[in-house]
């Protein structure tokens, strides 16, 4: 009897959906903006750069920076929020060279957060423009073990400029 209950507990735990699936079993998909579960994500624009300037400090990359002007809103408290970029089938984490404010401040219920998300990508993939998908999920890894809550497609085009001043978060 004890063995049967233990096996049942393991089985129930194995099929219990994770945090993302509990909020919304299907990601919100959109071009420019999307919503799903408690999250709404809107991309306002994108720039390509060889370097970025954060708080007066210039930061370089061997590839290219994709800088997305983004607003993220939530109807619930969010402790962790992961952001990944998919370009040509490759997944890029948010760059550690961007502003740290995204790691320190997340949207609160009814209080959206707007700022620049920075990703470092292969330069060759964005020359001439390319569609990108911004994946956002509560948790650690929007493209890995957690399914993305929201997927926003944006066409990144234009020349790769020398430097872009990256804007910090605003509420």
N, C-alpha and C. Protein backbone atom coordinates (compact mmCIF):
# COMPACT_ATOMS: atom_id res chain seq x y z
N UNK A 1 0.82 -1.19 0.00
CA UNK A 1 0.00 0.00 0.00
C UNK A 1 0.87 1.27 0.00
N UNK A 2 1.90 1.29 0.86
CA UNK A 2 2.80 2.44 0.93
C UNK A 2 3.52 2.63 -0.39
N UNK A 3 3.95 1.52 -1.00
CA UNK A 3 4.65 1.59 -2.28
C UNK A 3 3.72 2.14 -3.36
N UNK A 4 2.47 1.71 -3.35
CA UNK A 4 1.50 2.19 -4.34
C UNK A 4 1.25 3.69 -4.18
N UNK A 5 1.14 4.17 -2.94
CA UNK A 5 0.95 5.60 -2.70
C UNK A 5 2.17 6.41 -3.12
N UNK A 6 3.35 5.88 -2.85
CA UNK A 6 4.58 6.56 -3.26
C UNK A 6 4.66 6.66 -4.78
N UNK A 7 4.31 5.57 -5.47
CA UNK A 7 4.32 5.58 -6.93
C UNK A 7 3.30 6.57 -7.47
N UNK A 8 2.13 6.64 -6.84
CA UNK A 8 1.11 7.59 -7.25
C UNK A 8 1.59 9.03 -7.05
N UNK A 9 2.24 9.30 -5.94
CA UNK A 9 2.76 10.64 -5.66
C UNK A 9 3.80 11.05 -6.70
N UNK A 10 4.69 10.13 -7.06
CA UNK A 10 5.70 10.41 -8.08
C UNK A 10 5.03 10.68 -9.42
N UNK A 11 4.02 9.90 -9.76
CA UNK A 11 3.30 10.09 -11.02
C UNK A 11 2.59 11.42 -11.08
N UNK A 12 1.92 11.80 -10.00
CA UNK A 12 1.22 13.08 -9.95
C UNK A 12 2.21 14.23 -10.06
N UNK A 13 3.35 14.13 -9.37
CA UNK A 13 4.36 15.17 -9.44
C UNK A 13 4.91 15.29 -10.85
N UNK A 14 5.07 14.17 -11.54
CA UNK A 14 5.64 14.19 -12.90
C UNK A 14 4.70 14.85 -13.90
N UNK A 15 3.39 14.78 -13.67
CA UNK A 15 2.46 15.37 -14.64
C UNK A 15 1.92 16.73 -14.21
N UNK A 16 2.33 17.20 -13.04
CA UNK A 16 1.90 18.52 -12.58
C UNK A 16 2.58 19.58 -13.45
N UNK A 17 1.81 20.48 -14.05
CA UNK A 17 2.43 21.48 -14.93
C UNK A 17 3.30 22.45 -14.15
N UNK A 18 4.33 22.96 -14.82
CA UNK A 18 5.21 23.95 -14.21
C UNK A 18 4.53 25.29 -14.12
N UNK A 19 5.26 26.27 -13.60
CA UNK A 19 4.69 27.60 -13.35
C UNK A 19 4.14 28.24 -14.62
N UNK A 20 4.86 28.10 -15.73
CA UNK A 20 4.41 28.72 -16.97
C UNK A 20 3.12 28.09 -17.45
N UNK A 21 3.05 26.77 -17.45
CA UNK A 21 1.85 26.10 -17.93
C UNK A 21 0.66 26.34 -17.03
N UNK A 22 0.89 26.52 -15.74
CA UNK A 22 -0.23 26.82 -14.85
C UNK A 22 -0.81 28.19 -15.16
N UNK A 23 0.03 29.14 -15.52
CA UNK A 23 -0.45 30.49 -15.85
C UNK A 23 -1.19 30.50 -17.17
N UNK A 24 -0.66 29.82 -18.14
CA UNK A 24 -1.26 29.77 -19.47
C UNK A 24 -0.62 28.63 -20.24
N UNK A 25 -1.41 27.65 -20.68
CA UNK A 25 -0.82 26.48 -21.32
C UNK A 25 -0.24 26.74 -22.70
N UNK A 26 -0.59 27.86 -23.32
CA UNK A 26 -0.08 28.18 -24.65
C UNK A 26 0.53 29.57 -24.62
N UNK A 27 1.69 29.73 -25.24
CA UNK A 27 2.30 31.07 -25.23
C UNK A 27 1.47 32.04 -26.06
N UNK A 28 1.50 33.30 -25.65
CA UNK A 28 0.90 34.34 -26.46
C UNK A 28 1.86 34.68 -27.58
N UNK A 29 1.39 34.66 -28.81
CA UNK A 29 2.23 34.94 -29.97
C UNK A 29 1.76 36.23 -30.62
N UNK A 30 2.70 37.06 -31.05
CA UNK A 30 2.29 38.28 -31.72
C UNK A 30 3.43 38.94 -32.45
N UNK A 31 3.07 39.86 -33.31
CA UNK A 31 4.05 40.66 -34.02
C UNK A 31 3.98 42.07 -33.45
N UNK A 32 4.99 42.46 -32.71
CA UNK A 32 5.01 43.76 -32.07
C UNK A 32 4.56 43.71 -30.63
N UNK A 33 3.52 42.92 -30.33
CA UNK A 33 3.08 42.76 -28.94
C UNK A 33 2.31 41.45 -28.81
N UNK A 34 2.26 40.95 -27.57
CA UNK A 34 1.53 39.72 -27.29
C UNK A 34 1.25 39.64 -25.80
N UNK A 35 0.21 38.88 -25.46
CA UNK A 35 -0.17 38.66 -24.06
C UNK A 35 -0.50 37.20 -23.85
N UNK A 36 -0.21 36.72 -22.65
CA UNK A 36 -0.59 35.37 -22.26
C UNK A 36 -0.45 35.27 -20.75
N UNK A 37 -1.41 34.60 -20.12
CA UNK A 37 -1.37 34.50 -18.67
C UNK A 37 -1.30 35.90 -18.10
N UNK A 38 -0.43 36.13 -17.13
CA UNK A 38 -0.36 37.45 -16.51
C UNK A 38 0.50 38.46 -17.28
N UNK A 39 1.23 38.02 -18.32
CA UNK A 39 2.22 38.89 -18.97
C UNK A 39 1.72 39.52 -20.27
N UNK A 40 2.12 40.76 -20.48
CA UNK A 40 1.95 41.45 -21.76
C UNK A 40 3.30 42.05 -22.12
N UNK A 41 3.73 41.82 -23.35
CA UNK A 41 5.03 42.31 -23.81
C UNK A 41 4.82 43.07 -25.11
N UNK A 42 5.41 44.27 -25.20
CA UNK A 42 5.33 45.07 -26.41
C UNK A 42 6.72 45.55 -26.79
N UNK A 43 7.09 45.34 -28.06
CA UNK A 43 8.35 45.84 -28.59
C UNK A 43 8.02 47.13 -29.35
N UNK A 44 8.70 48.22 -28.99
CA UNK A 44 8.45 49.52 -29.61
C UNK A 44 9.42 49.82 -30.74
N UNK A 45 10.57 49.18 -30.73
CA UNK A 45 11.57 49.44 -31.75
C UNK A 45 12.83 48.64 -31.50
N UNK A 46 13.72 48.66 -32.48
CA UNK A 46 14.97 47.90 -32.37
C UNK A 46 16.08 48.66 -33.07
N UNK A 47 17.29 48.52 -32.53
CA UNK A 47 18.48 49.10 -33.15
C UNK A 47 19.58 48.06 -33.15
N UNK A 48 20.46 48.17 -34.13
CA UNK A 48 21.64 47.31 -34.22
C UNK A 48 22.87 48.17 -34.00
N UNK A 49 23.83 47.66 -33.22
CA UNK A 49 25.01 48.46 -32.91
C UNK A 49 26.25 47.59 -32.72
N UNK A 50 27.40 48.19 -32.98
CA UNK A 50 28.69 47.53 -32.71
C UNK A 50 29.07 47.66 -31.24
N UNK A 51 28.56 48.73 -30.60
CA UNK A 51 28.82 48.94 -29.17
C UNK A 51 27.61 49.63 -28.56
N UNK A 52 27.55 49.57 -27.23
CA UNK A 52 26.48 50.25 -26.51
C UNK A 52 27.10 51.16 -25.46
N UNK A 53 26.35 52.17 -25.06
CA UNK A 53 26.78 53.04 -23.97
C UNK A 53 25.77 52.92 -22.84
N UNK A 54 26.27 52.49 -21.67
CA UNK A 54 25.42 52.30 -20.49
C UNK A 54 25.99 53.17 -19.38
N UNK A 55 25.20 54.11 -18.90
CA UNK A 55 25.63 55.02 -17.83
C UNK A 55 26.98 55.67 -18.14
N UNK A 56 27.15 56.12 -19.40
CA UNK A 56 28.37 56.80 -19.80
C UNK A 56 29.54 55.89 -20.13
N UNK A 57 29.38 54.59 -19.96
CA UNK A 57 30.46 53.63 -20.24
C UNK A 57 30.18 52.91 -21.56
N UNK A 58 31.18 52.91 -22.43
CA UNK A 58 31.04 52.23 -23.72
C UNK A 58 31.41 50.76 -23.58
N UNK A 59 30.55 49.88 -24.11
CA UNK A 59 30.77 48.44 -24.02
C UNK A 59 30.75 47.85 -25.43
N UNK A 60 31.74 47.02 -25.71
CA UNK A 60 31.95 46.47 -27.05
C UNK A 60 31.50 45.01 -27.13
N UNK A 61 31.32 44.53 -28.37
CA UNK A 61 31.05 43.13 -28.62
C UNK A 61 31.79 42.71 -29.87
N UNK A 62 32.07 41.42 -30.00
CA UNK A 62 32.71 40.91 -31.22
C UNK A 62 31.67 40.67 -32.31
N UNK A 63 30.41 40.62 -31.95
CA UNK A 63 29.33 40.44 -32.92
C UNK A 63 28.60 41.75 -33.14
N UNK A 64 27.31 41.72 -32.89
CA UNK A 64 26.48 42.93 -32.96
C UNK A 64 25.50 42.91 -31.79
N UNK A 65 25.17 44.08 -31.31
CA UNK A 65 24.14 44.20 -30.28
C UNK A 65 22.79 44.40 -30.96
N UNK A 66 21.79 43.68 -30.49
CA UNK A 66 20.40 43.95 -30.83
C UNK A 66 19.81 44.61 -29.59
N UNK A 67 19.37 45.85 -29.74
CA UNK A 67 18.80 46.61 -28.62
C UNK A 67 17.31 46.78 -28.90
N UNK A 68 16.49 46.16 -28.06
CA UNK A 68 15.04 46.23 -28.20
C UNK A 68 14.46 47.17 -27.15
N UNK A 69 13.64 48.11 -27.58
CA UNK A 69 12.89 48.99 -26.68
C UNK A 69 11.60 48.24 -26.34
N UNK A 70 11.45 47.83 -25.07
CA UNK A 70 10.40 46.89 -24.68
C UNK A 70 9.64 47.39 -23.46
N UNK A 71 8.33 47.13 -23.44
CA UNK A 71 7.51 47.31 -22.24
C UNK A 71 6.99 45.94 -21.84
N UNK A 72 7.16 45.60 -20.55
CA UNK A 72 6.63 44.35 -20.01
C UNK A 72 5.69 44.71 -18.86
N UNK A 73 4.47 44.17 -18.92
CA UNK A 73 3.48 44.39 -17.87
C UNK A 73 3.03 43.04 -17.34
N UNK A 74 2.61 43.02 -16.08
CA UNK A 74 2.13 41.79 -15.47
C UNK A 74 0.95 42.10 -14.56
N UNK A 75 -0.01 41.18 -14.53
CA UNK A 75 -1.15 41.32 -13.62
C UNK A 75 -0.87 40.65 -12.28
N UNK A 76 0.27 39.97 -12.17
CA UNK A 76 0.64 39.27 -10.94
C UNK A 76 2.07 39.63 -10.56
N UNK A 77 2.44 39.39 -9.30
CA UNK A 77 3.83 39.57 -8.89
C UNK A 77 4.72 38.59 -9.63
N UNK A 78 5.85 39.06 -10.11
CA UNK A 78 6.81 38.23 -10.83
C UNK A 78 8.15 38.36 -10.13
N UNK A 79 8.67 37.25 -9.59
CA UNK A 79 9.96 37.30 -8.91
C UNK A 79 11.12 37.26 -9.89
N UNK A 80 11.03 36.39 -10.88
CA UNK A 80 12.08 36.23 -11.89
C UNK A 80 11.43 36.34 -13.26
N UNK A 81 12.12 36.97 -14.18
CA UNK A 81 11.60 37.12 -15.52
C UNK A 81 12.75 36.90 -16.49
N UNK A 82 12.64 35.87 -17.31
CA UNK A 82 13.71 35.58 -18.25
C UNK A 82 13.36 36.10 -19.63
N UNK A 83 14.37 36.58 -20.34
CA UNK A 83 14.21 37.10 -21.68
C UNK A 83 15.28 36.49 -22.56
N UNK A 84 14.85 35.84 -23.63
CA UNK A 84 15.76 35.27 -24.62
C UNK A 84 15.39 35.80 -25.99
N UNK A 85 16.35 35.76 -26.91
CA UNK A 85 16.12 36.19 -28.28
C UNK A 85 16.44 35.02 -29.20
N UNK A 86 15.54 34.71 -30.12
CA UNK A 86 15.78 33.66 -31.11
C UNK A 86 16.00 34.34 -32.45
N UNK A 87 17.14 34.03 -33.05
CA UNK A 87 17.53 34.59 -34.34
C UNK A 87 18.10 33.46 -35.18
N UNK A 88 17.49 33.19 -36.31
CA UNK A 88 17.95 32.13 -37.21
C UNK A 88 18.07 30.79 -36.48
N UNK A 89 17.11 30.50 -35.60
CA UNK A 89 17.11 29.23 -34.88
C UNK A 89 18.06 29.16 -33.70
N UNK A 90 18.83 30.20 -33.47
CA UNK A 90 19.77 30.23 -32.34
C UNK A 90 19.18 31.05 -31.21
N UNK A 91 19.42 30.59 -29.98
CA UNK A 91 18.88 31.27 -28.80
C UNK A 91 19.99 32.07 -28.12
N UNK A 92 19.70 33.34 -27.86
CA UNK A 92 20.65 34.23 -27.19
C UNK A 92 20.04 34.72 -25.88
N UNK A 93 20.79 34.58 -24.79
CA UNK A 93 20.38 35.15 -23.51
C UNK A 93 20.57 36.66 -23.55
N UNK A 94 19.86 37.36 -22.69
CA UNK A 94 20.08 38.80 -22.56
C UNK A 94 21.54 39.03 -22.18
N UNK A 95 22.17 40.01 -22.79
CA UNK A 95 23.59 40.29 -22.57
C UNK A 95 23.83 40.83 -21.17
N UNK A 96 24.92 40.38 -20.58
CA UNK A 96 25.33 40.91 -19.28
C UNK A 96 25.94 42.30 -19.43
N UNK A 97 26.17 42.73 -20.66
CA UNK A 97 26.72 44.07 -20.90
C UNK A 97 25.64 45.15 -20.89
N UNK A 98 24.39 44.74 -20.95
CA UNK A 98 23.28 45.69 -20.89
C UNK A 98 23.06 46.19 -19.48
N UNK A 99 22.09 47.07 -19.29
CA UNK A 99 21.81 47.59 -17.95
C UNK A 99 21.38 46.47 -17.01
N UNK A 100 21.82 46.55 -15.77
CA UNK A 100 21.46 45.52 -14.78
C UNK A 100 20.07 45.75 -14.21
N UNK A 101 19.43 46.85 -14.55
CA UNK A 101 18.13 47.17 -13.97
C UNK A 101 17.09 46.10 -14.24
N UNK A 102 17.19 45.38 -15.38
CA UNK A 102 16.20 44.33 -15.67
C UNK A 102 16.32 43.19 -14.67
N UNK A 103 17.51 42.93 -14.14
CA UNK A 103 17.67 41.87 -13.15
C UNK A 103 17.16 42.32 -11.79
N UNK A 104 17.12 43.62 -11.56
CA UNK A 104 16.77 44.15 -10.25
C UNK A 104 15.32 44.62 -10.15
N UNK A 105 14.66 44.84 -11.27
CA UNK A 105 13.31 45.39 -11.25
C UNK A 105 12.45 44.66 -12.26
N UNK A 106 11.33 44.16 -11.79
CA UNK A 106 10.39 43.46 -12.65
C UNK A 106 9.05 44.17 -12.57
N UNK A 107 8.19 43.95 -13.55
CA UNK A 107 6.89 44.62 -13.49
C UNK A 107 6.10 44.17 -12.27
N UNK A 108 5.42 45.10 -11.66
CA UNK A 108 4.52 44.80 -10.55
C UNK A 108 3.10 44.86 -11.10
N UNK A 109 2.15 44.24 -10.43
CA UNK A 109 0.77 44.29 -10.93
C UNK A 109 0.33 45.73 -11.20
N UNK A 110 -0.04 45.99 -12.43
CA UNK A 110 -0.51 47.32 -12.81
C UNK A 110 0.57 48.35 -13.04
N UNK A 111 1.84 47.98 -12.86
CA UNK A 111 2.94 48.93 -13.06
C UNK A 111 3.91 48.34 -14.09
N UNK A 112 3.72 48.65 -15.38
CA UNK A 112 4.61 48.11 -16.40
C UNK A 112 6.01 48.70 -16.30
N UNK A 113 6.96 48.00 -16.88
CA UNK A 113 8.35 48.43 -16.91
C UNK A 113 8.76 48.58 -18.37
N UNK A 114 9.41 49.72 -18.70
CA UNK A 114 9.88 49.93 -20.07
C UNK A 114 11.36 50.25 -20.05
N UNK A 115 12.09 49.66 -20.99
CA UNK A 115 13.51 49.91 -21.10
C UNK A 115 14.09 49.13 -22.26
N UNK A 116 15.41 49.22 -22.40
CA UNK A 116 16.10 48.53 -23.49
C UNK A 116 16.59 47.18 -23.03
N UNK A 117 16.26 46.15 -23.80
CA UNK A 117 16.83 44.81 -23.62
C UNK A 117 17.96 44.67 -24.62
N UNK A 118 19.09 44.14 -24.18
CA UNK A 118 20.28 44.06 -25.02
C UNK A 118 20.68 42.61 -25.21
N UNK A 119 20.93 42.23 -26.47
CA UNK A 119 21.38 40.88 -26.81
C UNK A 119 22.61 41.00 -27.70
N UNK A 120 23.58 40.10 -27.51
CA UNK A 120 24.74 40.02 -28.39
C UNK A 120 24.54 38.85 -29.33
N UNK A 121 24.62 39.11 -30.64
CA UNK A 121 24.35 38.08 -31.65
C UNK A 121 25.47 38.05 -32.68
N UNK A 122 25.46 37.01 -33.51
CA UNK A 122 26.39 36.95 -34.63
C UNK A 122 26.09 38.09 -35.59
N UNK A 123 27.10 38.87 -35.89
CA UNK A 123 26.93 40.03 -36.77
C UNK A 123 26.38 39.63 -38.14
N UNK A 124 26.87 38.53 -38.69
CA UNK A 124 26.45 38.10 -40.03
C UNK A 124 24.96 37.80 -40.11
N UNK A 125 24.34 37.45 -39.00
CA UNK A 125 22.92 37.08 -39.01
C UNK A 125 21.99 38.29 -39.11
N UNK A 126 22.48 39.48 -38.79
CA UNK A 126 21.61 40.66 -38.81
C UNK A 126 21.95 41.65 -39.92
N UNK A 127 23.05 41.42 -40.64
CA UNK A 127 23.39 42.29 -41.76
C UNK A 127 22.28 42.13 -42.81
N UNK A 128 21.68 43.23 -43.18
CA UNK A 128 20.58 43.18 -44.14
C UNK A 128 19.22 42.96 -43.50
N UNK A 129 19.17 42.85 -42.19
CA UNK A 129 17.90 42.68 -41.48
C UNK A 129 17.55 41.23 -41.25
N UNK A 130 16.74 40.99 -40.23
CA UNK A 130 16.33 39.63 -39.89
C UNK A 130 15.16 39.68 -38.92
N UNK A 131 14.25 38.70 -39.01
CA UNK A 131 13.21 38.61 -37.99
C UNK A 131 13.77 37.98 -36.72
N UNK A 132 13.36 38.49 -35.57
CA UNK A 132 13.77 37.91 -34.29
C UNK A 132 12.52 37.62 -33.47
N UNK A 133 12.63 36.66 -32.58
CA UNK A 133 11.56 36.36 -31.64
C UNK A 133 12.07 36.65 -30.24
N UNK A 134 11.38 37.51 -29.51
CA UNK A 134 11.68 37.78 -28.11
C UNK A 134 10.82 36.84 -27.28
N UNK A 135 11.48 35.98 -26.48
CA UNK A 135 10.78 35.04 -25.62
C UNK A 135 10.83 35.56 -24.19
N UNK A 136 9.69 35.61 -23.53
CA UNK A 136 9.63 36.07 -22.15
C UNK A 136 8.86 35.05 -21.34
N UNK A 137 9.42 34.69 -20.18
CA UNK A 137 8.77 33.72 -19.30
C UNK A 137 9.11 34.03 -17.85
N UNK A 138 8.18 33.75 -16.95
CA UNK A 138 8.55 33.82 -15.54
C UNK A 138 9.49 32.67 -15.24
N UNK A 139 10.60 32.93 -14.59
CA UNK A 139 11.56 31.87 -14.28
C UNK A 139 12.93 32.19 -14.82
N UNK A 140 13.73 31.13 -14.97
CA UNK A 140 15.14 31.29 -15.33
C UNK A 140 15.44 31.22 -16.82
N UNK A 141 14.71 30.42 -17.59
CA UNK A 141 15.15 30.08 -18.94
C UNK A 141 13.97 30.03 -19.89
N UNK A 142 13.71 31.11 -20.60
CA UNK A 142 12.54 31.19 -21.47
C UNK A 142 12.62 30.24 -22.65
N UNK A 143 13.81 29.85 -23.08
CA UNK A 143 13.94 28.98 -24.24
C UNK A 143 14.27 27.54 -23.86
N UNK A 144 14.55 27.27 -22.61
CA UNK A 144 14.98 25.94 -22.20
C UNK A 144 13.89 25.16 -21.51
N UNK A 145 14.08 24.88 -20.22
CA UNK A 145 13.15 24.01 -19.51
C UNK A 145 11.79 24.67 -19.28
N UNK A 146 11.73 25.99 -19.24
CA UNK A 146 10.44 26.67 -19.16
C UNK A 146 9.98 27.02 -20.56
N UNK A 147 8.71 26.86 -20.81
CA UNK A 147 8.17 27.29 -22.09
C UNK A 147 7.97 28.80 -22.04
N UNK A 148 8.18 29.49 -23.16
CA UNK A 148 7.96 30.93 -23.14
C UNK A 148 6.49 31.24 -22.89
N UNK A 149 6.25 32.23 -22.08
CA UNK A 149 4.88 32.68 -21.81
C UNK A 149 4.40 33.56 -22.97
N UNK A 150 5.32 34.39 -23.47
CA UNK A 150 4.98 35.33 -24.53
C UNK A 150 6.10 35.30 -25.57
N UNK A 151 5.72 35.26 -26.85
CA UNK A 151 6.68 35.31 -27.95
C UNK A 151 6.29 36.47 -28.85
N UNK A 152 7.20 37.44 -29.00
CA UNK A 152 6.93 38.61 -29.83
C UNK A 152 7.92 38.62 -30.99
N UNK A 153 7.39 38.64 -32.20
CA UNK A 153 8.22 38.71 -33.41
C UNK A 153 8.43 40.17 -33.78
N UNK A 154 9.67 40.48 -34.19
CA UNK A 154 10.01 41.84 -34.61
C UNK A 154 11.04 41.74 -35.73
N UNK A 155 10.88 42.56 -36.75
CA UNK A 155 11.86 42.61 -37.83
C UNK A 155 12.93 43.63 -37.47
N UNK A 156 14.16 43.14 -37.29
CA UNK A 156 15.30 43.99 -36.99
C UNK A 156 15.95 44.33 -38.32
N UNK A 157 15.97 45.61 -38.65
CA UNK A 157 16.59 46.00 -39.92
C UNK A 157 17.31 47.33 -39.74
N UNK A 158 17.94 47.76 -40.78
CA UNK A 158 18.72 48.99 -40.71
C UNK A 158 20.19 48.68 -40.56
N UNK A 159 20.96 49.73 -40.65
CA UNK A 159 22.42 49.59 -40.57
C UNK A 159 22.85 49.31 -39.14
N UNK A 160 23.99 48.66 -39.01
CA UNK A 160 24.61 48.47 -37.70
C UNK A 160 25.39 49.75 -37.41
N UNK A 161 24.90 50.52 -36.44
CA UNK A 161 25.54 51.79 -36.11
C UNK A 161 26.70 51.55 -35.17
N UNK A 162 27.54 52.58 -35.02
CA UNK A 162 28.72 52.46 -34.17
C UNK A 162 28.36 52.28 -32.70
N UNK A 163 27.46 53.14 -32.18
CA UNK A 163 27.12 53.07 -30.76
C UNK A 163 25.65 53.46 -30.55
N UNK A 164 25.00 52.78 -29.60
CA UNK A 164 23.64 53.11 -29.19
C UNK A 164 23.67 53.37 -27.68
N UNK A 165 23.10 54.49 -27.27
CA UNK A 165 22.95 54.77 -25.84
C UNK A 165 21.76 53.97 -25.33
N UNK A 166 22.01 53.09 -24.38
CA UNK A 166 20.97 52.20 -23.86
C UNK A 166 20.23 52.89 -22.73
N UNK A 167 18.91 52.88 -22.82
CA UNK A 167 18.06 53.53 -21.83
C UNK A 167 17.80 52.59 -20.66
N UNK A 168 17.85 53.12 -19.47
CA UNK A 168 17.53 52.35 -18.27
C UNK A 168 16.01 52.20 -18.16
N UNK A 169 15.59 51.45 -17.20
CA UNK A 169 14.17 51.18 -17.00
C UNK A 169 13.41 52.41 -16.55
N UNK A 170 12.15 52.46 -16.95
CA UNK A 170 11.24 53.51 -16.49
C UNK A 170 9.92 52.85 -16.13
N UNK A 171 9.29 53.35 -15.11
CA UNK A 171 7.96 52.85 -14.72
C UNK A 171 6.92 53.88 -15.07
